[in-house]
Amino acid sequence: MVLAGGVALGNDLFNRAWGPVGACRSLSTALGVWSASLASLCLQRQMRVRLLVDGRSAYRGEASLVGFYVNRHMAGGLRYPPLMDVGSPSMGVCLVPDVGVFGRTRLLAAAARAGSPRG
């Protein structure tokens, strides 16, 4: 199975109730989400990516994270807000090339705060 990025890996670990994630998930959903997020940070590996936009190559190389979004709403605490427009025409791809585990941890912290990394 090929998963596109850390979020997909975290979702997969959570949904399959993989090992320690399953144990945390049985205690609480929030703890399961956090444990799946942290586990995906450690297990995520670089992947070869080729991104095409309108049929033209936009990126080709190694990537640490690849994500797809329909809209950019994030409420913080690794959750979406209760009111969001899932029919939004705003769709995009987030691609982060060559980020190690510490960079991915920083991105996770920013997503949990619903902000962007500083520095």
C-alpha atoms as a PDB file:
ATOM      1  CA  MET A   1       0.000   0.000   0.000  1.00  0.00           C
ATOM      2  CA  VAL A   2       1.308   3.483  -0.865  1.00  0.00           C
ATOM      3  CA  LEU A   3       0.217   6.341   1.359  1.00  0.00           C
ATOM      4  CA  ALA A   4       0.687   9.931   0.239  1.00  0.00           C
ATOM      5  CA  GLY A   5       2.262  11.619   3.209  1.00  0.00           C
ATOM      6  CA  GLY A   6       2.202  11.738   6.954  1.00  0.00           C
ATOM      7  CA  VAL A   7      -1.474  12.598   7.304  1.00  0.00           C
ATOM      8  CA  ALA A   8      -2.496   9.571   5.246  1.00  0.00           C
ATOM      9  CA  LEU A   9      -0.151   7.377   7.265  1.00  0.00           C
ATOM     10  CA  GLY A  10      -1.544   8.743  10.553  1.00  0.00           C
ATOM     11  CA  ASN A  11      -5.108   8.171   9.349  1.00  0.00           C
ATOM     12  CA  ASP A  12      -4.233   4.620   8.350  1.00  0.00           C
ATOM     13  CA  LEU A  13      -2.598   3.878  11.721  1.00  0.00           C
ATOM     14  CA  PHE A  14      -5.631   5.311  13.536  1.00  0.00           C
ATOM     15  CA  ASN A  15      -8.221   3.483  11.399  1.00  0.00           C
ATOM     16  CA  ARG A  16      -6.419   0.133  11.688  1.00  0.00           C
ATOM     17  CA  ALA A  17      -5.897   0.722  15.436  1.00  0.00           C
ATOM     18  CA  TRP A  18      -2.248  -0.192  14.890  1.00  0.00           C
ATOM     19  CA  GLY A  19      -0.308  -1.308  18.015  1.00  0.00           C
ATOM     20  CA  PRO A  20       0.175   1.554  20.478  1.00  0.00           C
ATOM     21  CA  VAL A  21      -2.230   3.756  18.505  1.00  0.00           C
ATOM     22  CA  GLY A  22      -4.983   1.184  19.044  1.00  0.00           C
ATOM     23  CA  ALA A  23      -4.255   1.103  22.773  1.00  0.00           C
ATOM     24  CA  CYS A  24      -4.401   4.912  22.989  1.00  0.00           C
ATOM     25  CA  ARG A  25      -7.516   5.027  20.807  1.00  0.00           C
ATOM     26  CA  SER A  26      -9.298   2.629  23.171  1.00  0.00           C
ATOM     27  CA  LEU A  27      -8.717   5.153  25.976  1.00  0.00           C
ATOM     28  CA  SER A  28      -9.901   8.208  24.019  1.00  0.00           C
ATOM     29  CA  THR A  29     -10.266   9.388  20.432  1.00  0.00           C
ATOM     30  CA  ALA A  30      -8.117  12.473  21.058  1.00  0.00           C
ATOM     31  CA  LEU A  31      -5.315  10.359  22.531  1.00  0.00           C
ATOM     32  CA  GLY A  32      -5.597   8.028  19.528  1.00  0.00           C
ATOM     33  CA  VAL A  33      -5.298  10.954  17.098  1.00  0.00           C
ATOM     34  CA  TRP A  34      -2.259  12.326  18.896  1.00  0.00           C
ATOM     35  CA  SER A  35      -0.550   8.931  19.088  1.00  0.00           C
ATOM     36  CA  ALA A  36      -1.244   8.267  15.388  1.00  0.00           C
ATOM     37  CA  SER A  37       0.179  11.705  14.547  1.00  0.00           C
ATOM     38  CA  LEU A  38       3.338  11.113  16.563  1.00  0.00           C
ATOM     39  CA  ALA A  39       3.765   7.575  15.216  1.00  0.00           C
ATOM     40  CA  SER A  40       3.438   8.809  11.631  1.00  0.00           C
ATOM     41  CA  LEU A  41       6.171  11.396  12.302  1.00  0.00           C
ATOM     42  CA  CYS A  42       8.549   8.611  13.269  1.00  0.00           C
ATOM     43  CA  LEU A  43       7.508   6.100  10.592  1.00  0.00           C
ATOM     44  CA  GLN A  44       7.228   8.498   7.627  1.00  0.00           C
ATOM     45  CA  ARG A  45       9.911   8.091   4.974  1.00  0.00           C
ATOM     46  CA  GLN A  46      10.993  10.189   2.015  1.00  0.00           C
ATOM     47  CA  MET A  47       9.261   9.294  -1.240  1.00  0.00           C
ATOM     48  CA  ARG A  48       9.851  10.000  -4.913  1.00  0.00           C
ATOM     49  CA  VAL A  49       7.196  12.393  -6.170  1.00  0.00           C
ATOM     50  CA  ARG A  50       6.239  13.763  -9.544  1.00  0.00           C
ATOM     51  CA  LEU A  51       3.603  16.492  -9.411  1.00  0.00           C
ATOM     52  CA  LEU A  52       1.827  17.561 -12.593  1.00  0.00           C
ATOM     53  CA  VAL A  53      -0.262  20.734 -12.823  1.00  0.00           C
ATOM     54  CA  ASP A  54      -2.408  21.062 -15.920  1.00  0.00           C
ATOM     55  CA  GLY A  55      -0.369  18.300 -17.536  1.00  0.00           C
ATOM     56  CA  ARG A  56       2.977  20.031 -16.929  1.00  0.00           C
ATOM     57  CA  SER A  57       5.625  18.971 -14.470  1.00  0.00           C
ATOM     58  CA  ALA A  58       5.542  21.230 -11.393  1.00  0.00           C
ATOM     59  CA  TYR A  59       7.820  19.194  -9.128  1.00  0.00           C
ATOM     60  CA  ARG A  60       9.919  16.082  -9.385  1.00  0.00           C
ATOM     61  CA  GLY A  61      12.074  14.818  -6.548  1.00  0.00           C
ATOM     62  CA  GLU A  62      12.076  13.651  -2.963  1.00  0.00           C
ATOM     63  CA  ALA A  63       9.304  14.742  -0.606  1.00  0.00           C
ATOM     64  CA  SER A  64       8.709  14.223   3.092  1.00  0.00           C
ATOM     65  CA  LEU A  65       5.043  15.157   3.101  1.00  0.00           C
ATOM     66  CA  VAL A  66       2.364  15.210   0.433  1.00  0.00           C
ATOM     67  CA  GLY A  67      -1.138  16.279   1.341  1.00  0.00           C
ATOM     68  CA  PHE A  68      -4.332  17.093  -0.467  1.00  0.00           C
ATOM     69  CA  TYR A  69      -6.878  19.559   0.812  1.00  0.00           C
ATOM     70  CA  VAL A  70     -10.308  20.727  -0.258  1.00  0.00           C
ATOM     71  CA  ASN A  71     -10.181  23.865   1.844  1.00  0.00           C
ATOM     72  CA  ARG A  72      -7.627  25.245   4.252  1.00  0.00           C
ATOM     73  CA  HIS A  73      -9.676  25.423   7.448  1.00  0.00           C
ATOM     74  CA  MET A  74      -8.073  24.095  10.616  1.00  0.00           C
ATOM     75  CA  ALA A  75      -9.431  24.714  14.095  1.00  0.00           C
ATOM     76  CA  GLY A  76      -6.284  23.718  15.968  1.00  0.00           C
ATOM     77  CA  GLY A  77      -5.819  20.707  18.199  1.00  0.00           C
ATOM     78  CA  LEU A  78      -5.586  18.548  15.038  1.00  0.00           C
ATOM     79  CA  ARG A  79      -9.276  18.908  14.253  1.00  0.00           C
ATOM     80  CA  TYR A  80     -11.472  20.700  11.759  1.00  0.00           C
ATOM     81  CA  PRO A  81     -13.953  23.366  12.856  1.00  0.00           C
ATOM     82  CA  PRO A  82     -17.633  22.354  13.173  1.00  0.00           C
ATOM     83  CA  LEU A  83     -18.718  24.644  10.335  1.00  0.00           C
ATOM     84  CA  MET A  84     -16.762  24.300   7.146  1.00  0.00           C
ATOM     85  CA  ASP A  85     -17.640  24.395   3.499  1.00  0.00           C
ATOM     86  CA  VAL A  86     -16.728  20.967   2.139  1.00  0.00           C
ATOM     87  CA  GLY A  87     -18.128  22.027  -1.237  1.00  0.00           C
ATOM     88  CA  SER A  88     -15.446  24.696  -1.527  1.00  0.00           C
ATOM     89  CA  PRO A  89     -13.890  24.925  -4.990  1.00  0.00           C
ATOM     90  CA  SER A  90     -10.553  25.649  -3.330  1.00  0.00           C
ATOM     91  CA  MET A  91      -8.496  22.485  -3.734  1.00  0.00           C
ATOM     92  CA  GLY A  92      -4.786  22.084  -3.648  1.00  0.00           C
ATOM     93  CA  VAL A  93      -1.747  20.003  -2.948  1.00  0.00           C
ATOM     94  CA  CYS A  94       0.711  20.603  -0.156  1.00  0.00           C
ATOM     95  CA  LEU A  95       4.155  19.206  -0.895  1.00  0.00           C
ATOM     96  CA  VAL A  96       7.050  19.573   1.549  1.00  0.00           C
ATOM     97  CA  PRO A  97      10.371  18.460   0.121  1.00  0.00           C
ATOM     98  CA  ASP A  98      13.175  17.033   2.280  1.00  0.00           C
ATOM     99  CA  VAL A  99      11.934  17.589   5.838  1.00  0.00           C
ATOM    100  CA  GLY A 100      13.295  15.356   8.569  1.00  0.00           C
ATOM    101  CA  VAL A 101      11.528  14.177  11.711  1.00  0.00           C
ATOM    102  CA  PHE A 102      12.198  17.468  13.552  1.00  0.00           C
ATOM    103  CA  GLY A 103      10.768  19.521  10.687  1.00  0.00           C
ATOM    104  CA  ARG A 104       7.709  17.256  10.555  1.00  0.00           C
ATOM    105  CA  THR A 105       7.304  17.670  14.330  1.00  0.00           C
ATOM    106  CA  ARG A 106       7.372  21.438  13.879  1.00  0.00           C
ATOM    107  CA  LEU A 107       4.704  21.221  11.169  1.00  0.00           C
ATOM    108  CA  LEU A 108       2.526  19.015  13.393  1.00  0.00           C
ATOM    109  CA  ALA A 109       2.837  21.515  16.241  1.00  0.00           C
ATOM    110  CA  ALA A 110       1.827  24.343  13.880  1.00  0.00           C
ATOM    111  CA  ALA A 111      -1.208  22.367  12.679  1.00  0.00           C
ATOM    112  CA  ALA A 112      -2.188  21.697  16.286  1.00  0.00           C
ATOM    113  CA  ARG A 113      -1.994  25.447  16.963  1.00  0.00           C
ATOM    114  CA  ALA A 114      -3.753  26.219  13.640  1.00  0.00           C
ATOM    115  CA  GLY A 115      -0.891  28.470  12.630  1.00  0.00           C
ATOM    116  CA  SER A 116       2.188  28.356  10.548  1.00  0.00           C
ATOM    117  CA  PRO A 117       5.703  27.501  11.691  1.00  0.00           C
ATOM    118  CA  ARG A 118       7.875  30.456  12.684  1.00  0.00           C
ATOM    119  CA  GLY A 119      11.444  30.945  11.648  1.00  0.00           C
END
